[in-house]
N, C-alpha and C. Protein backbone atom coordinates (compact mmCIF):
# COMPACT_ATOMS: atom_id res chain seq x y z
N MET A 1 -17.35 8.01 6.52
CA MET A 1 -17.17 7.25 5.28
C MET A 1 -18.36 6.33 5.05
N SER A 2 -18.83 6.30 3.81
CA SER A 2 -19.95 5.41 3.48
C SER A 2 -19.43 3.99 3.25
N ILE A 3 -20.37 3.05 3.18
CA ILE A 3 -19.98 1.65 2.94
C ILE A 3 -19.32 1.51 1.58
N ILE A 4 -19.86 2.21 0.57
CA ILE A 4 -19.29 2.15 -0.78
C ILE A 4 -17.86 2.66 -0.79
N GLU A 5 -17.63 3.77 -0.12
CA GLU A 5 -16.28 4.33 -0.05
C GLU A 5 -15.32 3.38 0.68
N THR A 6 -15.81 2.75 1.74
CA THR A 6 -14.98 1.80 2.49
C THR A 6 -14.61 0.60 1.63
N ILE A 7 -15.59 0.07 0.90
CA ILE A 7 -15.34 -1.08 0.02
C ILE A 7 -14.38 -0.70 -1.10
N THR A 8 -14.55 0.50 -1.64
CA THR A 8 -13.66 0.97 -2.71
C THR A 8 -12.23 1.09 -2.22
N LEU A 9 -12.06 1.70 -1.05
CA LEU A 9 -10.73 1.83 -0.46
C LEU A 9 -10.12 0.46 -0.20
N PHE A 10 -10.92 -0.46 0.30
CA PHE A 10 -10.44 -1.82 0.57
C PHE A 10 -9.96 -2.48 -0.72
N GLY A 11 -10.73 -2.32 -1.80
CA GLY A 11 -10.35 -2.91 -3.09
C GLY A 11 -9.03 -2.35 -3.61
N ILE A 12 -8.86 -1.05 -3.46
CA ILE A 12 -7.62 -0.40 -3.91
C ILE A 12 -6.43 -0.91 -3.11
N MET A 13 -6.60 -0.99 -1.80
CA MET A 13 -5.52 -1.43 -0.93
C MET A 13 -5.14 -2.89 -1.20
N VAL A 14 -6.13 -3.73 -1.44
CA VAL A 14 -5.85 -5.14 -1.74
C VAL A 14 -5.10 -5.26 -3.06
N ALA A 15 -5.55 -4.51 -4.08
CA ALA A 15 -4.90 -4.55 -5.39
C ALA A 15 -3.43 -4.16 -5.30
N LEU A 16 -3.15 -3.13 -4.52
CA LEU A 16 -1.76 -2.67 -4.38
C LEU A 16 -0.94 -3.62 -3.51
N ALA A 17 -1.58 -4.26 -2.51
CA ALA A 17 -0.87 -5.21 -1.66
C ALA A 17 -0.47 -6.46 -2.43
N VAL A 18 -1.33 -6.87 -3.37
CA VAL A 18 -1.07 -8.07 -4.18
C VAL A 18 0.06 -7.81 -5.17
N LEU A 19 0.19 -6.57 -5.60
CA LEU A 19 1.17 -6.20 -6.62
C LEU A 19 2.59 -6.63 -6.23
N PRO A 20 3.26 -7.42 -7.08
CA PRO A 20 4.66 -7.80 -6.79
C PRO A 20 5.51 -6.56 -6.56
N SER A 21 6.21 -6.54 -5.45
CA SER A 21 6.98 -5.36 -5.06
C SER A 21 8.11 -5.79 -4.13
N ALA A 22 8.89 -4.81 -3.69
CA ALA A 22 9.99 -5.11 -2.77
C ALA A 22 9.46 -5.68 -1.46
N SER A 23 8.31 -5.17 -0.99
CA SER A 23 7.76 -5.66 0.27
C SER A 23 7.27 -7.11 0.14
N VAL A 24 6.65 -7.42 -0.99
CA VAL A 24 6.19 -8.79 -1.25
C VAL A 24 7.40 -9.72 -1.30
N ALA A 25 8.44 -9.29 -2.01
CA ALA A 25 9.65 -10.10 -2.12
C ALA A 25 10.26 -10.36 -0.74
N LEU A 26 10.25 -9.32 0.11
CA LEU A 26 10.82 -9.47 1.45
C LEU A 26 10.02 -10.47 2.29
N VAL A 27 8.70 -10.36 2.24
CA VAL A 27 7.84 -11.29 2.99
C VAL A 27 8.09 -12.73 2.53
N ILE A 28 8.12 -12.93 1.22
CA ILE A 28 8.29 -14.27 0.67
C ILE A 28 9.66 -14.86 1.01
N THR A 29 10.70 -14.06 0.82
CA THR A 29 12.04 -14.59 1.06
C THR A 29 12.27 -14.89 2.54
N ARG A 30 11.81 -14.01 3.42
CA ARG A 30 11.98 -14.26 4.85
C ARG A 30 11.18 -15.48 5.29
N SER A 31 9.98 -15.62 4.76
CA SER A 31 9.13 -16.75 5.14
C SER A 31 9.67 -18.06 4.59
N ALA A 32 10.16 -18.02 3.34
CA ALA A 32 10.66 -19.24 2.70
C ALA A 32 11.99 -19.69 3.29
N THR A 33 12.83 -18.74 3.70
CA THR A 33 14.16 -19.11 4.20
C THR A 33 14.22 -19.27 5.71
N LEU A 34 13.44 -18.48 6.43
CA LEU A 34 13.56 -18.46 7.89
C LEU A 34 12.33 -18.96 8.62
N GLY A 35 11.26 -19.25 7.86
CA GLY A 35 10.04 -19.73 8.48
C GLY A 35 8.92 -18.70 8.45
N VAL A 36 7.70 -19.19 8.55
CA VAL A 36 6.51 -18.34 8.45
C VAL A 36 6.49 -17.24 9.51
N ALA A 37 7.00 -17.54 10.70
CA ALA A 37 7.01 -16.53 11.78
C ALA A 37 7.76 -15.28 11.35
N ASN A 38 8.84 -15.44 10.59
CA ASN A 38 9.59 -14.28 10.11
C ASN A 38 8.80 -13.52 9.05
N GLY A 39 8.07 -14.25 8.21
CA GLY A 39 7.20 -13.58 7.24
C GLY A 39 6.13 -12.75 7.91
N ILE A 40 5.59 -13.29 9.02
CA ILE A 40 4.58 -12.56 9.79
C ILE A 40 5.20 -11.32 10.44
N ALA A 41 6.42 -11.47 10.95
CA ALA A 41 7.10 -10.33 11.57
C ALA A 41 7.36 -9.23 10.55
N VAL A 42 7.76 -9.60 9.33
CA VAL A 42 7.96 -8.61 8.26
C VAL A 42 6.64 -7.89 7.98
N THR A 43 5.56 -8.67 7.90
CA THR A 43 4.24 -8.09 7.63
C THR A 43 3.86 -7.06 8.70
N ALA A 44 4.12 -7.40 9.96
CA ALA A 44 3.83 -6.46 11.05
C ALA A 44 4.63 -5.17 10.89
N GLY A 45 5.89 -5.29 10.50
CA GLY A 45 6.72 -4.11 10.28
C GLY A 45 6.20 -3.25 9.14
N ILE A 46 5.76 -3.90 8.06
CA ILE A 46 5.22 -3.17 6.90
C ILE A 46 3.95 -2.43 7.30
N ILE A 47 3.09 -3.08 8.06
CA ILE A 47 1.84 -2.45 8.50
C ILE A 47 2.13 -1.23 9.37
N LEU A 48 3.08 -1.37 10.29
CA LEU A 48 3.42 -0.23 11.15
C LEU A 48 3.96 0.93 10.32
N GLY A 49 4.80 0.63 9.32
CA GLY A 49 5.32 1.68 8.45
C GLY A 49 4.22 2.40 7.70
N ASP A 50 3.25 1.63 7.18
CA ASP A 50 2.12 2.24 6.47
C ASP A 50 1.26 3.06 7.41
N LEU A 51 1.12 2.60 8.65
CA LEU A 51 0.35 3.35 9.64
C LEU A 51 0.97 4.72 9.88
N VAL A 52 2.29 4.76 9.97
CA VAL A 52 2.99 6.04 10.14
C VAL A 52 2.68 6.97 8.98
N PHE A 53 2.74 6.45 7.74
CA PHE A 53 2.47 7.27 6.56
C PHE A 53 1.03 7.76 6.51
N ILE A 54 0.09 6.87 6.87
CA ILE A 54 -1.32 7.26 6.86
C ILE A 54 -1.59 8.39 7.85
N LEU A 55 -1.06 8.27 9.05
CA LEU A 55 -1.28 9.32 10.06
C LEU A 55 -0.61 10.63 9.64
N LEU A 56 0.59 10.55 9.08
CA LEU A 56 1.27 11.76 8.60
C LEU A 56 0.46 12.41 7.48
N ALA A 57 -0.07 11.59 6.58
CA ALA A 57 -0.85 12.12 5.45
C ALA A 57 -2.13 12.78 5.94
N ILE A 58 -2.85 12.09 6.83
CA ILE A 58 -4.14 12.61 7.31
C ILE A 58 -3.96 13.94 8.05
N PHE A 59 -3.06 13.95 9.01
CA PHE A 59 -2.92 15.16 9.83
C PHE A 59 -2.17 16.26 9.10
N GLY A 60 -1.31 15.87 8.17
CA GLY A 60 -0.66 16.87 7.33
C GLY A 60 -1.65 17.55 6.41
N LEU A 61 -2.55 16.75 5.83
CA LEU A 61 -3.57 17.31 4.95
C LEU A 61 -4.55 18.19 5.72
N THR A 62 -4.83 17.81 6.96
CA THR A 62 -5.74 18.62 7.78
C THR A 62 -5.16 20.01 8.00
N VAL A 63 -3.87 20.07 8.29
CA VAL A 63 -3.20 21.36 8.48
C VAL A 63 -3.23 22.17 7.19
N VAL A 64 -2.94 21.49 6.07
CA VAL A 64 -2.95 22.18 4.77
C VAL A 64 -4.34 22.71 4.46
N ALA A 65 -5.37 21.89 4.72
CA ALA A 65 -6.75 22.31 4.44
C ALA A 65 -7.13 23.53 5.27
N GLU A 66 -6.73 23.53 6.55
CA GLU A 66 -7.06 24.66 7.42
C GLU A 66 -6.30 25.92 7.01
N THR A 67 -5.07 25.73 6.51
CA THR A 67 -4.23 26.87 6.14
C THR A 67 -4.65 27.47 4.80
N MET A 68 -4.93 26.59 3.83
CA MET A 68 -5.21 27.05 2.46
C MET A 68 -6.68 27.36 2.23
N GLY A 69 -7.56 26.77 3.04
CA GLY A 69 -8.98 27.01 2.84
C GLY A 69 -9.45 26.50 1.49
N SER A 70 -10.10 27.38 0.73
CA SER A 70 -10.66 26.98 -0.57
C SER A 70 -9.56 26.61 -1.57
N LEU A 71 -8.35 27.11 -1.35
CA LEU A 71 -7.25 26.78 -2.26
C LEU A 71 -6.82 25.31 -2.13
N PHE A 72 -7.34 24.62 -1.11
CA PHE A 72 -7.01 23.21 -0.93
C PHE A 72 -7.49 22.39 -2.13
N MET A 73 -8.42 22.94 -2.90
CA MET A 73 -8.90 22.27 -4.10
C MET A 73 -7.73 22.00 -5.06
N VAL A 74 -6.76 22.90 -5.06
CA VAL A 74 -5.57 22.72 -5.91
C VAL A 74 -4.83 21.45 -5.51
N VAL A 75 -4.73 21.22 -4.19
CA VAL A 75 -4.07 20.02 -3.69
C VAL A 75 -4.80 18.77 -4.16
N LYS A 76 -6.14 18.83 -4.14
CA LYS A 76 -6.93 17.68 -4.59
C LYS A 76 -6.68 17.38 -6.07
N TYR A 77 -6.62 18.43 -6.89
CA TYR A 77 -6.37 18.21 -8.31
C TYR A 77 -4.96 17.67 -8.56
N LEU A 78 -4.00 18.17 -7.79
CA LEU A 78 -2.64 17.66 -7.92
C LEU A 78 -2.58 16.19 -7.51
N GLY A 79 -3.32 15.86 -6.45
CA GLY A 79 -3.38 14.47 -6.00
C GLY A 79 -4.01 13.57 -7.05
N ALA A 80 -5.09 14.05 -7.67
CA ALA A 80 -5.75 13.28 -8.72
C ALA A 80 -4.82 13.06 -9.90
N THR A 81 -4.07 14.09 -10.26
CA THR A 81 -3.12 13.99 -11.37
C THR A 81 -2.04 12.96 -11.05
N TYR A 82 -1.58 12.96 -9.81
CA TYR A 82 -0.56 11.98 -9.40
C TYR A 82 -1.10 10.56 -9.51
N LEU A 83 -2.36 10.34 -9.08
CA LEU A 83 -2.95 9.01 -9.14
C LEU A 83 -3.13 8.55 -10.59
N LEU A 84 -3.51 9.47 -11.47
CA LEU A 84 -3.63 9.13 -12.89
C LEU A 84 -2.28 8.74 -13.46
N TRP A 85 -1.25 9.50 -13.10
CA TRP A 85 0.10 9.19 -13.56
C TRP A 85 0.56 7.84 -13.01
N LEU A 86 0.27 7.56 -11.73
CA LEU A 86 0.65 6.30 -11.11
C LEU A 86 -0.04 5.14 -11.80
N GLY A 87 -1.34 5.30 -12.10
CA GLY A 87 -2.08 4.26 -12.80
C GLY A 87 -1.51 3.96 -14.17
N TYR A 88 -1.20 5.02 -14.91
CA TYR A 88 -0.61 4.87 -16.25
C TYR A 88 0.74 4.16 -16.16
N THR A 89 1.54 4.55 -15.17
CA THR A 89 2.86 3.94 -14.99
C THR A 89 2.75 2.45 -14.68
N LEU A 90 1.81 2.08 -13.80
CA LEU A 90 1.63 0.68 -13.45
C LEU A 90 1.21 -0.16 -14.66
N ILE A 91 0.36 0.42 -15.49
CA ILE A 91 -0.14 -0.32 -16.65
C ILE A 91 0.93 -0.50 -17.72
N THR A 92 1.76 0.51 -17.90
CA THR A 92 2.72 0.49 -19.01
C THR A 92 4.12 -0.01 -18.63
N SER A 93 4.46 -0.02 -17.33
CA SER A 93 5.82 -0.41 -16.95
C SER A 93 5.93 -1.91 -16.72
N LYS A 94 7.17 -2.37 -16.74
CA LYS A 94 7.47 -3.77 -16.46
C LYS A 94 8.10 -3.86 -15.08
N SER A 95 7.77 -4.94 -14.37
CA SER A 95 8.30 -5.11 -13.02
C SER A 95 9.78 -5.46 -13.03
N MET A 96 10.49 -4.90 -12.04
CA MET A 96 11.91 -5.23 -11.87
C MET A 96 12.10 -6.01 -10.56
N THR A 97 10.97 -6.45 -9.96
CA THR A 97 11.04 -7.15 -8.69
C THR A 97 11.71 -8.52 -8.85
N LYS A 98 12.70 -8.78 -8.01
CA LYS A 98 13.41 -10.06 -8.05
C LYS A 98 13.24 -10.76 -6.71
N ILE A 99 12.99 -12.06 -6.77
CA ILE A 99 12.86 -12.84 -5.55
C ILE A 99 13.96 -13.90 -5.54
N THR A 100 14.83 -13.82 -4.55
CA THR A 100 15.93 -14.79 -4.45
C THR A 100 15.84 -15.49 -3.10
N ILE A 101 15.95 -16.79 -3.14
CA ILE A 101 15.88 -17.58 -1.91
C ILE A 101 17.25 -18.13 -1.58
N ASP A 102 17.78 -17.72 -0.43
CA ASP A 102 19.10 -18.16 0.01
C ASP A 102 18.93 -19.16 1.15
N LYS A 103 19.06 -20.43 0.84
CA LYS A 103 18.85 -21.48 1.83
C LYS A 103 20.01 -21.60 2.83
N THR A 104 21.09 -20.86 2.59
CA THR A 104 22.23 -20.95 3.52
C THR A 104 21.96 -20.20 4.82
N ILE A 105 20.97 -19.31 4.77
CA ILE A 105 20.61 -18.57 5.98
C ILE A 105 19.75 -19.49 6.86
N LYS A 106 20.21 -19.77 8.04
CA LYS A 106 19.53 -20.75 8.88
C LYS A 106 18.57 -20.12 9.88
N LYS A 107 18.98 -19.03 10.50
CA LYS A 107 18.14 -18.48 11.56
C LYS A 107 18.38 -17.00 11.74
N GLN A 108 17.30 -16.26 11.91
CA GLN A 108 17.42 -14.85 12.26
C GLN A 108 16.30 -14.49 13.21
N ASN A 109 16.58 -13.51 14.01
CA ASN A 109 15.62 -13.10 15.02
C ASN A 109 14.41 -12.40 14.42
N LEU A 110 13.25 -12.60 15.05
CA LEU A 110 11.99 -12.03 14.56
C LEU A 110 12.04 -10.50 14.58
N VAL A 111 12.76 -9.94 15.56
CA VAL A 111 12.88 -8.48 15.63
C VAL A 111 13.58 -7.95 14.38
N THR A 112 14.58 -8.68 13.90
CA THR A 112 15.29 -8.26 12.69
C THR A 112 14.34 -8.25 11.49
N SER A 113 13.49 -9.28 11.39
CA SER A 113 12.53 -9.35 10.29
C SER A 113 11.51 -8.22 10.39
N PHE A 114 11.05 -7.95 11.61
CA PHE A 114 10.10 -6.85 11.83
C PHE A 114 10.71 -5.52 11.40
N LEU A 115 11.94 -5.27 11.84
CA LEU A 115 12.61 -4.02 11.50
C LEU A 115 12.88 -3.92 10.00
N ALA A 116 13.16 -5.06 9.38
CA ALA A 116 13.40 -5.06 7.93
C ALA A 116 12.15 -4.58 7.20
N GLY A 117 10.98 -5.09 7.60
CA GLY A 117 9.73 -4.66 6.98
C GLY A 117 9.42 -3.20 7.25
N PHE A 118 9.66 -2.77 8.50
CA PHE A 118 9.38 -1.39 8.90
C PHE A 118 10.28 -0.41 8.16
N ILE A 119 11.57 -0.70 8.12
CA ILE A 119 12.53 0.20 7.47
C ILE A 119 12.31 0.24 5.96
N LEU A 120 12.01 -0.93 5.37
CA LEU A 120 11.74 -0.97 3.93
C LEU A 120 10.56 -0.06 3.58
N THR A 121 9.51 -0.13 4.41
CA THR A 121 8.32 0.69 4.16
C THR A 121 8.61 2.17 4.33
N LEU A 122 9.30 2.53 5.40
CA LEU A 122 9.63 3.94 5.63
C LEU A 122 10.55 4.49 4.54
N GLY A 123 11.30 3.61 3.90
CA GLY A 123 12.19 4.05 2.84
C GLY A 123 11.46 4.38 1.55
N ASP A 124 10.19 3.97 1.47
CA ASP A 124 9.40 4.26 0.26
C ASP A 124 8.61 5.56 0.48
N ILE A 125 9.28 6.68 0.28
CA ILE A 125 8.66 7.99 0.53
C ILE A 125 7.46 8.23 -0.39
N LYS A 126 7.42 7.55 -1.53
CA LYS A 126 6.29 7.71 -2.45
C LYS A 126 4.98 7.29 -1.79
N ALA A 127 5.07 6.46 -0.75
CA ALA A 127 3.86 5.97 -0.08
C ALA A 127 3.07 7.11 0.54
N ILE A 128 3.78 8.07 1.15
CA ILE A 128 3.05 9.18 1.79
C ILE A 128 2.40 10.07 0.73
N ILE A 129 3.04 10.19 -0.45
CA ILE A 129 2.43 10.95 -1.55
C ILE A 129 1.17 10.24 -2.02
N PHE A 130 1.25 8.90 -2.09
CA PHE A 130 0.09 8.12 -2.50
C PHE A 130 -1.07 8.32 -1.53
N TYR A 131 -0.80 8.19 -0.23
CA TYR A 131 -1.87 8.34 0.75
C TYR A 131 -2.41 9.78 0.76
N ALA A 132 -1.53 10.74 0.59
CA ALA A 132 -1.97 12.14 0.56
C ALA A 132 -2.85 12.41 -0.66
N SER A 133 -2.63 11.66 -1.73
CA SER A 133 -3.44 11.82 -2.93
C SER A 133 -4.76 11.07 -2.82
N LEU A 134 -4.73 9.91 -2.17
CA LEU A 134 -5.90 9.04 -2.11
C LEU A 134 -6.90 9.43 -1.04
N LEU A 135 -6.42 9.78 0.15
CA LEU A 135 -7.31 9.96 1.30
C LEU A 135 -8.33 11.09 1.18
N PRO A 136 -8.03 12.20 0.45
CA PRO A 136 -9.07 13.24 0.33
C PRO A 136 -10.36 12.75 -0.30
N ILE A 137 -10.31 11.63 -1.03
CA ILE A 137 -11.52 11.07 -1.63
C ILE A 137 -12.45 10.56 -0.54
N PHE A 138 -11.86 10.02 0.52
CA PHE A 138 -12.65 9.32 1.53
C PHE A 138 -12.87 10.11 2.81
N ILE A 139 -12.15 11.20 2.99
CA ILE A 139 -12.28 11.99 4.22
C ILE A 139 -12.60 13.44 3.89
N ASN A 140 -13.61 13.96 4.55
CA ASN A 140 -13.88 15.39 4.48
C ASN A 140 -13.03 16.03 5.57
N LEU A 141 -11.93 16.63 5.16
CA LEU A 141 -10.96 17.13 6.13
C LEU A 141 -11.49 18.27 6.99
N SER A 142 -12.53 18.93 6.50
CA SER A 142 -13.10 20.03 7.28
C SER A 142 -13.95 19.51 8.43
N THR A 143 -14.39 18.26 8.34
CA THR A 143 -15.19 17.66 9.41
C THR A 143 -14.60 16.30 9.79
N LEU A 144 -13.29 16.25 9.91
CA LEU A 144 -12.60 15.00 10.20
C LEU A 144 -13.04 14.43 11.54
N GLN A 145 -13.45 13.16 11.51
CA GLN A 145 -13.87 12.47 12.71
C GLN A 145 -12.88 11.35 13.05
N VAL A 146 -12.77 11.06 14.35
CA VAL A 146 -11.90 9.97 14.78
C VAL A 146 -12.35 8.66 14.13
N SER A 147 -13.67 8.50 13.97
CA SER A 147 -14.20 7.28 13.37
C SER A 147 -13.70 7.10 11.94
N ASP A 148 -13.56 8.20 11.18
CA ASP A 148 -13.04 8.11 9.81
C ASP A 148 -11.60 7.59 9.81
N VAL A 149 -10.81 8.12 10.72
CA VAL A 149 -9.40 7.71 10.82
C VAL A 149 -9.32 6.23 11.19
N LEU A 150 -10.16 5.80 12.14
CA LEU A 150 -10.15 4.41 12.57
C LEU A 150 -10.57 3.47 11.46
N VAL A 151 -11.55 3.89 10.66
CA VAL A 151 -12.00 3.06 9.54
C VAL A 151 -10.88 2.88 8.53
N ILE A 152 -10.20 3.98 8.20
CA ILE A 152 -9.10 3.91 7.22
C ILE A 152 -7.97 3.03 7.74
N ILE A 153 -7.63 3.18 9.00
CA ILE A 153 -6.57 2.35 9.60
C ILE A 153 -6.98 0.88 9.57
N SER A 154 -8.25 0.60 9.92
CA SER A 154 -8.74 -0.78 9.93
C SER A 154 -8.70 -1.39 8.54
N VAL A 155 -9.11 -0.61 7.53
CA VAL A 155 -9.09 -1.09 6.15
C VAL A 155 -7.67 -1.41 5.73
N MET A 156 -6.73 -0.53 6.09
CA MET A 156 -5.33 -0.76 5.73
C MET A 156 -4.79 -2.02 6.39
N VAL A 157 -5.04 -2.16 7.69
CA VAL A 157 -4.51 -3.31 8.43
C VAL A 157 -5.08 -4.62 7.89
N ILE A 158 -6.39 -4.65 7.65
CA ILE A 158 -7.04 -5.89 7.18
C ILE A 158 -6.62 -6.23 5.76
N SER A 159 -6.65 -5.24 4.86
CA SER A 159 -6.34 -5.51 3.46
C SER A 159 -4.86 -5.84 3.27
N LEU A 160 -4.01 -4.97 3.77
CA LEU A 160 -2.56 -5.17 3.63
C LEU A 160 -2.10 -6.40 4.40
N GLY A 161 -2.56 -6.52 5.64
CA GLY A 161 -2.15 -7.64 6.48
C GLY A 161 -2.57 -8.98 5.92
N SER A 162 -3.83 -9.09 5.47
CA SER A 162 -4.32 -10.38 4.98
C SER A 162 -3.57 -10.82 3.73
N VAL A 163 -3.32 -9.90 2.81
CA VAL A 163 -2.60 -10.25 1.59
C VAL A 163 -1.16 -10.66 1.89
N LYS A 164 -0.46 -9.88 2.71
CA LYS A 164 0.92 -10.21 3.03
C LYS A 164 1.02 -11.53 3.80
N LEU A 165 0.04 -11.81 4.66
CA LEU A 165 0.06 -13.07 5.39
C LEU A 165 -0.17 -14.26 4.47
N ILE A 166 -1.00 -14.07 3.46
CA ILE A 166 -1.19 -15.13 2.47
C ILE A 166 0.13 -15.42 1.78
N TYR A 167 0.85 -14.35 1.42
CA TYR A 167 2.18 -14.53 0.83
C TYR A 167 3.11 -15.27 1.80
N ALA A 168 3.06 -14.90 3.08
CA ALA A 168 3.95 -15.51 4.07
C ALA A 168 3.66 -17.00 4.24
N PHE A 169 2.39 -17.37 4.38
CA PHE A 169 2.02 -18.76 4.61
C PHE A 169 2.17 -19.62 3.34
N SER A 170 2.12 -18.98 2.18
CA SER A 170 2.21 -19.73 0.93
C SER A 170 3.53 -19.47 0.20
N ALA A 171 4.53 -19.00 0.91
CA ALA A 171 5.79 -18.56 0.29
C ALA A 171 6.40 -19.61 -0.62
N ALA A 172 6.47 -20.86 -0.14
CA ALA A 172 7.12 -21.91 -0.92
C ALA A 172 6.44 -22.11 -2.27
N LYS A 173 5.11 -22.06 -2.29
CA LYS A 173 4.37 -22.26 -3.54
C LYS A 173 4.31 -21.00 -4.40
N ILE A 174 4.36 -19.84 -3.74
CA ILE A 174 4.18 -18.58 -4.46
C ILE A 174 5.46 -18.13 -5.16
N VAL A 175 6.60 -18.62 -4.72
CA VAL A 175 7.87 -18.18 -5.32
C VAL A 175 7.82 -18.29 -6.84
N SER A 176 7.42 -19.45 -7.35
CA SER A 176 7.38 -19.65 -8.80
C SER A 176 6.32 -18.78 -9.45
N VAL A 177 5.18 -18.58 -8.78
CA VAL A 177 4.11 -17.76 -9.35
C VAL A 177 4.51 -16.30 -9.37
N ALA A 178 5.14 -15.84 -8.29
CA ALA A 178 5.54 -14.44 -8.20
C ALA A 178 6.57 -14.07 -9.24
N ARG A 179 7.32 -15.07 -9.73
CA ARG A 179 8.32 -14.81 -10.75
C ARG A 179 7.70 -14.81 -12.15
N ASN A 180 6.47 -15.26 -12.22
CA ASN A 180 5.81 -15.38 -13.52
C ASN A 180 5.39 -14.01 -14.02
N SER A 181 5.84 -13.63 -15.21
CA SER A 181 5.56 -12.29 -15.73
C SER A 181 4.07 -12.09 -16.00
N LYS A 182 3.33 -13.18 -16.32
CA LYS A 182 1.90 -13.03 -16.59
C LYS A 182 1.18 -12.60 -15.32
N PHE A 183 1.52 -13.23 -14.19
CA PHE A 183 0.93 -12.85 -12.91
C PHE A 183 1.25 -11.39 -12.60
N ASP A 184 2.49 -11.04 -12.81
CA ASP A 184 2.96 -9.67 -12.55
C ASP A 184 2.18 -8.68 -13.40
N ASN A 185 2.04 -8.97 -14.69
CA ASN A 185 1.35 -8.05 -15.59
C ASN A 185 -0.11 -7.87 -15.22
N VAL A 186 -0.79 -8.98 -14.87
CA VAL A 186 -2.20 -8.89 -14.48
C VAL A 186 -2.35 -8.03 -13.22
N ALA A 187 -1.48 -8.28 -12.24
CA ALA A 187 -1.54 -7.52 -10.99
C ALA A 187 -1.30 -6.04 -11.24
N ARG A 188 -0.32 -5.72 -12.08
CA ARG A 188 0.00 -4.33 -12.37
C ARG A 188 -1.14 -3.64 -13.11
N LYS A 189 -1.70 -4.31 -14.09
CA LYS A 189 -2.78 -3.70 -14.87
C LYS A 189 -4.03 -3.49 -14.00
N THR A 190 -4.28 -4.44 -13.10
CA THR A 190 -5.43 -4.30 -12.19
C THR A 190 -5.25 -3.10 -11.26
N ALA A 191 -4.08 -3.03 -10.63
CA ALA A 191 -3.80 -1.92 -9.72
C ALA A 191 -3.79 -0.59 -10.49
N GLY A 192 -3.21 -0.60 -11.69
CA GLY A 192 -3.17 0.61 -12.51
C GLY A 192 -4.57 1.07 -12.89
N GLY A 193 -5.44 0.12 -13.21
CA GLY A 193 -6.83 0.46 -13.53
C GLY A 193 -7.54 1.11 -12.35
N PHE A 194 -7.30 0.57 -11.14
CA PHE A 194 -7.87 1.18 -9.93
C PHE A 194 -7.40 2.61 -9.78
N MET A 195 -6.10 2.84 -9.97
CA MET A 195 -5.55 4.18 -9.80
C MET A 195 -6.14 5.16 -10.81
N LEU A 196 -6.28 4.73 -12.06
CA LEU A 196 -6.88 5.59 -13.08
C LEU A 196 -8.32 5.93 -12.71
N GLY A 197 -9.05 4.91 -12.23
CA GLY A 197 -10.44 5.14 -11.84
C GLY A 197 -10.56 6.09 -10.68
N VAL A 198 -9.70 5.90 -9.68
CA VAL A 198 -9.73 6.76 -8.49
C VAL A 198 -9.33 8.19 -8.85
N GLY A 199 -8.29 8.32 -9.68
CA GLY A 199 -7.87 9.67 -10.09
C GLY A 199 -8.97 10.39 -10.85
N GLY A 200 -9.63 9.69 -11.77
CA GLY A 200 -10.73 10.29 -12.52
C GLY A 200 -11.88 10.66 -11.61
N TYR A 201 -12.20 9.77 -10.65
CA TYR A 201 -13.28 10.03 -9.70
C TYR A 201 -13.00 11.26 -8.85
N LEU A 202 -11.74 11.38 -8.42
CA LEU A 202 -11.37 12.52 -7.58
C LEU A 202 -11.53 13.84 -8.34
N ILE A 203 -11.17 13.84 -9.63
CA ILE A 203 -11.32 15.05 -10.43
C ILE A 203 -12.79 15.43 -10.57
N VAL A 204 -13.63 14.43 -10.84
CA VAL A 204 -15.07 14.67 -10.99
C VAL A 204 -15.68 15.15 -9.67
N LYS A 205 -15.29 14.48 -8.58
CA LYS A 205 -15.85 14.80 -7.26
C LYS A 205 -15.40 16.18 -6.79
N ALA A 206 -14.12 16.52 -7.12
CA ALA A 206 -13.60 17.81 -6.68
C ALA A 206 -14.35 18.95 -7.34
């Protein structure tokens, strides 16, 4: 992966991590009600869930590429179409994310928070479709190197982890901002723009 590709991937991952979502709501609510440590535990669970999806996408695509050969180009075009559709959806849809803070909850174990983040992430099957659509831009599956996989994992951990941790440490202040529709709209349009750009780039590159 080139530096430009790495920076581009990092930008996409940050934009999507910032986007108000169920995972953001979980990090904020756990951190605001149970303490920052629980928000960090949720973040760790989310990262592990995404790691599972990334590895499944990478090695699944490698098998598909080896099996289909030149026909794998069809998969790339389908992936690009999915990213264009995702970008359009993000730009035109309204968020249904709700953040509720229940102060009656006094204490919960960090393992519970970790598992909550992990299970929530694994429940979002669309994530593996997203990674399967995005990763062919950055990896030449015919010459897949361990270093490429490590770079992608590092980018995911740093981008996703840093954003979610900011949410965790700033939960009390972010609650009101995260509920603000203007913030939500800006985040969605930014992420949607990235997806449209990536989808278009993948079609041109393919």
